[in-house]
PDB file of all heavy atoms in Angstrom:
ATOM      1  N   GLY A   1      87.602 111.767 108.290  1.00  0.00           N
ATOM      2  CA  GLY A   1      88.094 112.040 107.055  1.00  0.00           C
ATOM      3  C   GLY A   1      89.145 111.099 106.716  1.00  0.00           C
ATOM      4  O   GLY A   1      89.447 110.098 107.505  1.00  0.00           O
ATOM      5  N   GLU A   2      89.557 111.027 105.451  1.00  0.00           N
ATOM      6  CA  GLU A   2      90.564 110.238 105.001  1.00  0.00           C
ATOM      7  C   GLU A   2      91.808 110.899 104.399  1.00  0.00           C
ATOM      8  O   GLU A   2      91.706 111.943 103.859  1.00  0.00           O
ATOM      9  CB  GLU A   2      90.018 109.268 103.716  1.00  0.00           C
ATOM     10  CG  GLU A   2      88.788 108.405 104.271  1.00  0.00           C
ATOM     11  CD  GLU A   2      88.085 107.695 103.098  1.00  0.00           C
ATOM     12  OE1 GLU A   2      88.611 106.688 102.681  1.00  0.00           O
ATOM     13  OE2 GLU A   2      87.119 108.397 102.510  1.00  0.00           O
ATOM     14  N   ALA A   3      93.013 110.266 104.505  1.00  0.00           N
ATOM     15  CA  ALA A   3      94.179 110.846 103.937  1.00  0.00           C
ATOM     16  C   ALA A   3      94.822 109.964 102.933  1.00  0.00           C
ATOM     17  O   ALA A   3      94.674 108.801 102.750  1.00  0.00           O
ATOM     18  CB  ALA A   3      95.250 111.040 105.098  1.00  0.00           C
ATOM     19  N   GLU A   4      95.549 110.599 101.975  1.00  0.00           N
ATOM     20  CA  GLU A   4      96.436 110.032 100.946  1.00  0.00           C
ATOM     21  C   GLU A   4      95.600 108.967 100.022  1.00  0.00           C
ATOM     22  O   GLU A   4      96.046 107.892  99.892  1.00  0.00           O
ATOM     23  CB  GLU A   4      97.635 109.239 101.474  1.00  0.00           C
ATOM     24  CG  GLU A   4      98.618 110.283 102.211  1.00  0.00           C
ATOM     25  CD  GLU A   4      99.102 111.306 101.210  1.00  0.00           C
ATOM     26  OE1 GLU A   4      99.558 110.980 100.180  1.00  0.00           O
ATOM     27  OE2 GLU A   4      99.040 112.524 101.614  1.00  0.00           O
ATOM     28  N   LEU A   5      94.569 109.592  99.446  1.00  0.00           N
ATOM     29  CA  LEU A   5      93.856 108.850  98.475  1.00  0.00           C
ATOM     30  C   LEU A   5      93.533 109.850  97.293  1.00  0.00           C
ATOM     31  O   LEU A   5      93.542 111.099  97.501  1.00  0.00           O
ATOM     32  CB  LEU A   5      92.428 108.221  99.116  1.00  0.00           C
ATOM     33  CG  LEU A   5      91.273 109.315  99.389  1.00  0.00           C
ATOM     34  CD1 LEU A   5      90.009 108.563  99.464  1.00  0.00           C
ATOM     35  CD2 LEU A   5      91.712 110.033 100.628  1.00  0.00           C
ATOM     36  N   PRO A   6      93.244 109.350  96.145  1.00  0.00           N
ATOM     37  CA  PRO A   6      92.789 110.165  95.028  1.00  0.00           C
ATOM     38  C   PRO A   6      91.579 110.904  95.259  1.00  0.00           C
ATOM     39  O   PRO A   6      90.605 110.347  95.782  1.00  0.00           O
ATOM     40  CB  PRO A   6      92.758 109.318  93.793  1.00  0.00           C
ATOM     41  CG  PRO A   6      93.500 108.082  94.130  1.00  0.00           C
ATOM     42  CD  PRO A   6      93.344 107.918  95.646  1.00  0.00           C
ATOM     43  N   VAL A   7      91.539 112.232  95.028  1.00  0.00           N
ATOM     44  CA  VAL A   7      90.289 113.090  95.290  1.00  0.00           C
ATOM     45  C   VAL A   7      90.053 113.781  93.932  1.00  0.00           C
ATOM     46  O   VAL A   7      90.936 114.193  93.167  1.00  0.00           O
ATOM     47  CB  VAL A   7      90.389 114.040  96.444  1.00  0.00           C
ATOM     48  CG1 VAL A   7      90.551 113.349  97.703  1.00  0.00           C
ATOM     49  CG2 VAL A   7      91.512 115.145  96.157  1.00  0.00           C
ATOM     50  N   THR A   8      88.655 113.938  93.642  1.00  0.00           N
ATOM     51  CA  THR A   8      88.418 114.626  92.313  1.00  0.00           C
ATOM     52  C   THR A   8      87.549 115.830  92.685  1.00  0.00           C
ATOM     53  O   THR A   8      86.438 115.781  93.321  1.00  0.00           O
ATOM     54  CB  THR A   8      87.634 113.531  91.373  1.00  0.00           C
ATOM     55  OG1 THR A   8      88.590 112.522  91.186  1.00  0.00           O
ATOM     56  CG2 THR A   8      87.410 114.261  90.137  1.00  0.00           C
ATOM     57  N   PHE A   9      87.862 116.864  92.028  1.00  0.00           N
ATOM     58  CA  PHE A   9      86.931 118.074  91.992  1.00  0.00           C
ATOM     59  C   PHE A   9      87.531 119.034  90.861  1.00  0.00           C
ATOM     60  O   PHE A   9      88.712 118.916  90.454  1.00  0.00           O
ATOM     61  CB  PHE A   9      86.796 118.904  93.260  1.00  0.00           C
ATOM     62  CG  PHE A   9      88.064 119.276  93.894  1.00  0.00           C
ATOM     63  CD1 PHE A   9      88.752 120.349  93.637  1.00  0.00           C
ATOM     64  CD2 PHE A   9      88.668 118.422  94.916  1.00  0.00           C
ATOM     65  CE1 PHE A   9      90.002 120.853  94.253  1.00  0.00           C
ATOM     66  CE2 PHE A   9      89.981 118.837  95.571  1.00  0.00           C
ATOM     67  CZ  PHE A   9      90.528 119.886  95.203  1.00  0.00           C
ATOM     68  N   GLY A  10      86.648 119.984  90.349  1.00  0.00           N
ATOM     69  CA  GLY A  10      87.137 120.820  89.410  1.00  0.00           C
ATOM     70  C   GLY A  10      87.537 120.156  88.053  1.00  0.00           C
ATOM     71  O   GLY A  10      88.432 120.747  87.234  1.00  0.00           O
ATOM     72  N   GLY A  11      87.028 118.969  87.734  1.00  0.00           N
ATOM     73  CA  GLY A  11      87.243 118.241  86.531  1.00  0.00           C
ATOM     74  C   GLY A  11      88.619 117.517  86.516  1.00  0.00           C
ATOM     75  O   GLY A  11      88.999 116.963  85.567  1.00  0.00           O
ATOM     76  N   VAL A  12      89.293 117.430  87.690  1.00  0.00           N
ATOM     77  CA  VAL A  12      90.714 116.828  87.916  1.00  0.00           C
ATOM     78  C   VAL A  12      90.718 115.955  89.055  1.00  0.00           C
ATOM     79  O   VAL A  12      90.166 116.172  90.102  1.00  0.00           O
ATOM     80  CB  VAL A  12      91.764 117.912  87.952  1.00  0.00           C
ATOM     81  CG1 VAL A  12      93.041 117.387  88.167  1.00  0.00           C
ATOM     82  CG2 VAL A  12      91.767 118.806  86.743  1.00  0.00           C
ATOM     83  N   THR A  13      91.497 114.817  88.834  1.00  0.00           N
ATOM     84  CA  THR A  13      91.779 113.984  89.924  1.00  0.00           C
ATOM     85  C   THR A  13      93.111 114.297  90.514  1.00  0.00           C
ATOM     86  O   THR A  13      94.038 114.197  89.757  1.00  0.00           O
ATOM     87  CB  THR A  13      91.610 112.410  89.568  1.00  0.00           C
ATOM     88  OG1 THR A  13      90.289 112.223  89.116  1.00  0.00           O
ATOM     89  CG2 THR A  13      91.961 111.489  90.784  1.00  0.00           C
ATOM     90  N   PHE A  14      93.212 114.454  91.795  1.00  0.00           N
ATOM     91  CA  PHE A  14      94.402 114.838  92.512  1.00  0.00           C
ATOM     92  C   PHE A  14      95.013 113.505  93.203  1.00  0.00           C
ATOM     93  O   PHE A  14      94.419 112.923  93.963  1.00  0.00           O
ATOM     94  CB  PHE A  14      94.330 115.856  93.534  1.00  0.00           C
ATOM     95  CG  PHE A  14      93.769 117.172  92.963  1.00  0.00           C
ATOM     96  CD1 PHE A  14      92.336 117.314  92.708  1.00  0.00           C
ATOM     97  CD2 PHE A  14      94.496 118.205  92.758  1.00  0.00           C
ATOM     98  CE1 PHE A  14      91.802 118.517  92.218  1.00  0.00           C
ATOM     99  CE2 PHE A  14      94.028 119.400  92.176  1.00  0.00           C
ATOM    100  CZ  PHE A  14      92.753 119.499  91.917  1.00  0.00           C
ATOM    101  N   VAL A  15      96.066 113.028  92.649  1.00  0.00           N
ATOM    102  CA  VAL A  15      96.712 111.706  93.162  1.00  0.00           C
ATOM    103  C   VAL A  15      97.864 111.994  93.941  1.00  0.00           C
ATOM    104  O   VAL A  15      98.763 112.792  93.486  1.00  0.00           O
ATOM    105  CB  VAL A  15      97.174 110.929  91.866  1.00  0.00           C
ATOM    106  CG1 VAL A  15      97.738 109.584  92.351  1.00  0.00           C
ATOM    107  CG2 VAL A  15      95.819 110.694  90.951  1.00  0.00           C
ATOM    108  N   PRO A  16      97.913 111.541  95.279  1.00  0.00           N
ATOM    109  CA  PRO A  16      99.118 111.668  96.058  1.00  0.00           C
ATOM    110  C   PRO A  16     100.298 111.319  95.356  1.00  0.00           C
ATOM    111  O   PRO A  16     100.403 110.372  94.697  1.00  0.00           O
ATOM    112  CB  PRO A  16      98.808 110.664  97.279  1.00  0.00           C
ATOM    113  CG  PRO A  16      97.364 110.687  97.351  1.00  0.00           C
ATOM    114  CD  PRO A  16      96.891 110.622  95.828  1.00  0.00           C
ATOM    115  N   GLY A  17     101.348 112.213  95.403  1.00  0.00           N
ATOM    116  CA  GLY A  17     102.671 112.037  94.789  1.00  0.00           C
ATOM    117  C   GLY A  17     102.673 112.666  93.316  1.00  0.00           C
ATOM    118  O   GLY A  17     103.881 112.799  92.848  1.00  0.00           O
ATOM    119  N   HIS A  18     101.520 112.805  92.751  1.00  0.00           N
ATOM    120  CA  HIS A  18     101.651 113.638  91.428  1.00  0.00           C
ATOM    121  C   HIS A  18     101.977 115.113  91.860  1.00  0.00           C
ATOM    122  O   HIS A  18     102.232 115.441  93.056  1.00  0.00           O
ATOM    123  CB  HIS A  18     100.275 113.541  90.767  1.00  0.00           C
ATOM    124  CG  HIS A  18     100.042 112.218  90.073  1.00  0.00           C
ATOM    125  ND1 HIS A  18      99.108 112.050  89.157  1.00  0.00           N
ATOM    126  CD2 HIS A  18     100.685 111.059  90.138  1.00  0.00           C
ATOM    127  CE1 HIS A  18      99.124 110.869  88.726  1.00  0.00           C
ATOM    128  NE2 HIS A  18     100.084 110.107  89.296  1.00  0.00           N
ATOM    129  N   TYR A  19     101.994 116.013  90.953  1.00  0.00           N
ATOM    130  CA  TYR A  19     102.414 117.315  91.107  1.00  0.00           C
ATOM    131  C   TYR A  19     101.358 118.368  90.715  1.00  0.00           C
ATOM    132  O   TYR A  19     100.699 118.284  89.777  1.00  0.00           O
ATOM    133  CB  TYR A  19     103.717 117.652  90.307  1.00  0.00           C
ATOM    134  CG  TYR A  19     104.899 116.977  90.901  1.00  0.00           C
ATOM    135  CD1 TYR A  19     104.990 115.571  90.565  1.00  0.00           C
ATOM    136  CD2 TYR A  19     105.779 117.590  91.703  1.00  0.00           C
ATOM    137  CE1 TYR A  19     106.135 114.863  91.029  1.00  0.00           C
ATOM    138  CE2 TYR A  19     106.760 116.793  92.234  1.00  0.00           C
ATOM    139  CZ  TYR A  19     107.011 115.633  91.989  1.00  0.00           C
ATOM    140  OH  TYR A  19     108.045 114.797  92.459  1.00  0.00           O
ATOM    141  N   LEU A  20     101.273 119.418  91.628  1.00  0.00           N
ATOM    142  CA  LEU A  20     100.369 120.534  91.382  1.00  0.00           C
ATOM    143  C   LEU A  20     101.206 121.933  91.304  1.00  0.00           C
ATOM    144  O   LEU A  20     102.163 121.968  92.089  1.00  0.00           O
ATOM    145  CB  LEU A  20      99.350 120.712  92.627  1.00  0.00           C
ATOM    146  CG  LEU A  20      98.372 121.726  92.584  1.00  0.00           C
ATOM    147  CD1 LEU A  20      97.149 121.349  93.480  1.00  0.00           C
ATOM    148  CD2 LEU A  20      98.848 123.093  93.291  1.00  0.00           C
ATOM    149  N   TYR A  21     100.734 122.629  90.399  1.00  0.00           N
ATOM    150  CA  TYR A  21     101.319 124.000  90.159  1.00  0.00           C
ATOM    151  C   TYR A  21     100.189 125.033  90.052  1.00  0.00           C
ATOM    152  O   TYR A  21      99.154 124.742  89.617  1.00  0.00           O
ATOM    153  CB  TYR A  21     102.102 124.052  88.854  1.00  0.00           C
ATOM    154  CG  TYR A  21     103.271 122.976  88.874  1.00  0.00           C
ATOM    155  CD1 TYR A  21     102.988 121.933  88.284  1.00  0.00           C
ATOM    156  CD2 TYR A  21     104.505 123.310  89.535  1.00  0.00           C
ATOM    157  CE1 TYR A  21     104.118 120.903  88.331  1.00  0.00           C
ATOM    158  CE2 TYR A  21     105.521 122.349  89.504  1.00  0.00           C
ATOM    159  CZ  TYR A  21     105.183 121.139  88.950  1.00  0.00           C
ATOM    160  OH  TYR A  21     106.240 120.216  88.892  1.00  0.00           O
ATOM    161  N   ALA A  22     100.399 126.139  90.809  1.00  0.00           N
ATOM    162  CA  ALA A  22      99.260 127.096  90.905  1.00  0.00           C
ATOM    163  C   ALA A  22      99.899 128.595  90.866  1.00  0.00           C
ATOM    164  O   ALA A  22     100.990 128.748  91.426  1.00  0.00           O
ATOM    165  CB  ALA A  22      98.547 127.007  92.174  1.00  0.00           C
ATOM    166  N   ASP A  23      99.153 129.416  90.190  1.00  0.00           N
ATOM    167  CA  ASP A  23      99.552 130.843  90.139  1.00  0.00           C
ATOM    168  C   ASP A  23      98.342 131.680  89.778  1.00  0.00           C
ATOM    169  O   ASP A  23      97.235 131.160  89.923  1.00  0.00           O
ATOM    170  CB  ASP A  23     100.625 131.035  89.031  1.00  0.00           C
ATOM    171  CG  ASP A  23     100.168 130.969  87.537  1.00  0.00           C
ATOM    172  OD1 ASP A  23      99.098 130.645  87.425  1.00  0.00           O
ATOM    173  OD2 ASP A  23     101.194 131.080  86.805  1.00  0.00           O
ATOM    174  N   GLU A  24      98.569 132.907  89.459  1.00  0.00           N
ATOM    175  CA  GLU A  24      97.362 133.830  89.234  1.00  0.00           C
ATOM    176  C   GLU A  24      96.544 133.362  88.029  1.00  0.00           C
ATOM    177  O   GLU A  24      95.262 133.832  87.979  1.00  0.00           O
ATOM    178  CB  GLU A  24      97.905 135.196  88.918  1.00  0.00           C
ATOM    179  CG  GLU A  24      98.791 135.898  89.977  1.00  0.00           C
ATOM    180  CD  GLU A  24     100.131 135.461  90.099  1.00  0.00           C
ATOM    181  OE1 GLU A  24     100.688 134.593  89.120  1.00  0.00           O
ATOM    182  OE2 GLU A  24     100.898 135.991  90.799  1.00  0.00           O
ATOM    183  N   ASP A  25      96.933 132.477  87.189  1.00  0.00           N
ATOM    184  CA  ASP A  25      96.147 132.116  86.046  1.00  0.00           C
ATOM    185  C   ASP A  25      95.412 130.790  86.372  1.00  0.00           C
ATOM    186  O   ASP A  25      94.438 130.403  85.537  1.00  0.00           O
ATOM    187  CB  ASP A  25      97.216 131.700  84.765  1.00  0.00           C
ATOM    188  CG  ASP A  25      97.605 133.038  84.138  1.00  0.00           C
ATOM    189  OD1 ASP A  25      96.948 134.089  84.433  1.00  0.00           O
ATOM    190  OD2 ASP A  25      98.739 133.057  83.621  1.00  0.00           O
ATOM    191  N   GLY A  26      95.815 130.120  87.327  1.00  0.00           N
ATOM    192  CA  GLY A  26      95.045 128.759  87.690  1.00  0.00           C
ATOM    193  C   GLY A  26      95.760 127.764  88.343  1.00  0.00           C
ATOM    194  O   GLY A  26      96.918 127.886  88.844  1.00  0.00           O
ATOM    195  N   VAL A  27      95.317 126.573  88.325  1.00  0.00           N
ATOM    196  CA  VAL A  27      95.928 125.300  88.878  1.00  0.00           C
ATOM    197  C   VAL A  27      95.915 124.221  87.870  1.00  0.00           C
ATOM    198  O   VAL A  27      95.044 123.993  87.236  1.00  0.00           O
ATOM    199  CB  VAL A  27      94.950 124.827  90.054  1.00  0.00           C
ATOM    200  CG1 VAL A  27      95.581 123.595  90.833  1.00  0.00           C
ATOM    201  CG2 VAL A  27      94.911 125.950  91.193  1.00  0.00           C
ATOM    202  N   ILE A  28      97.114 123.652  87.772  1.00  0.00           N
ATOM    203  CA  ILE A  28      97.316 122.543  86.951  1.00  0.00           C
ATOM    204  C   ILE A  28      97.939 121.296  87.711  1.00  0.00           C
ATOM    205  O   ILE A  28      98.624 121.532  88.709  1.00  0.00           O
ATOM    206  CB  ILE A  28      98.145 122.900  85.638  1.00  0.00           C
ATOM    207  CG1 ILE A  28      99.597 123.263  86.120  1.00  0.00           C
ATOM    208  CG2 ILE A  28      97.481 123.957  84.954  1.00  0.00           C
ATOM    209  CD1 ILE A  28     100.625 123.471  84.904  1.00  0.00           C
ATOM    210  N   VAL A  29      97.778 120.146  87.082  1.00  0.00           N
ATOM    211  CA  VAL A  29      98.097 118.953  87.773  1.00  0.00           C
ATOM    212  C   VAL A  29      98.870 118.118  86.767  1.00  0.00           C
ATOM    213  O   VAL A  29      98.475 117.979  85.581  1.00  0.00           O
ATOM    214  CB  VAL A  29      97.123 118.199  88.406  1.00  0.00           C
ATOM    215  CG1 VAL A  29      97.583 116.789  88.997  1.00  0.00           C
ATOM    216  CG2 VAL A  29      96.341 119.022  89.488  1.00  0.00           C
ATOM    217  N   SER A  30      99.959 117.406  87.123  1.00  0.00           N
ATOM    218  CA  SER A  30     100.853 116.545  86.196  1.00  0.00           C
ATOM    219  C   SER A  30     101.138 115.336  87.111  1.00  0.00           C
ATOM    220  O   SER A  30     101.487 115.389  88.269  1.00  0.00           O
ATOM    221  CB  SER A  30     102.049 117.295  85.758  1.00  0.00           C
ATOM    222  OG  SER A  30     102.938 116.486  85.133  1.00  0.00           O
ATOM    223  N   ALA A  31     101.296 114.206  86.377  1.00  0.00           N
ATOM    224  CA  ALA A  31     101.735 112.990  87.039  1.00  0.00           C
ATOM    225  C   ALA A  31     103.366 112.964  87.334  1.00  0.00           C
ATOM    226  O   ALA A  31     103.624 112.359  88.290  1.00  0.00           O
ATOM    227  CB  ALA A  31     101.489 111.784  86.029  1.00  0.00           C
TER     228      ALA A  31
END
C-alpha cells in the first residue's frame, strides 16, 4: 500500500492536510 497521497472515491479527492468533517448527515471535505 501507499501513504500520504491523494485518494479519490465517492466523487471526492481526499488530499493529505486538507480537512474532513463527518456526522449523521454525511462526510464533507475542505481545503
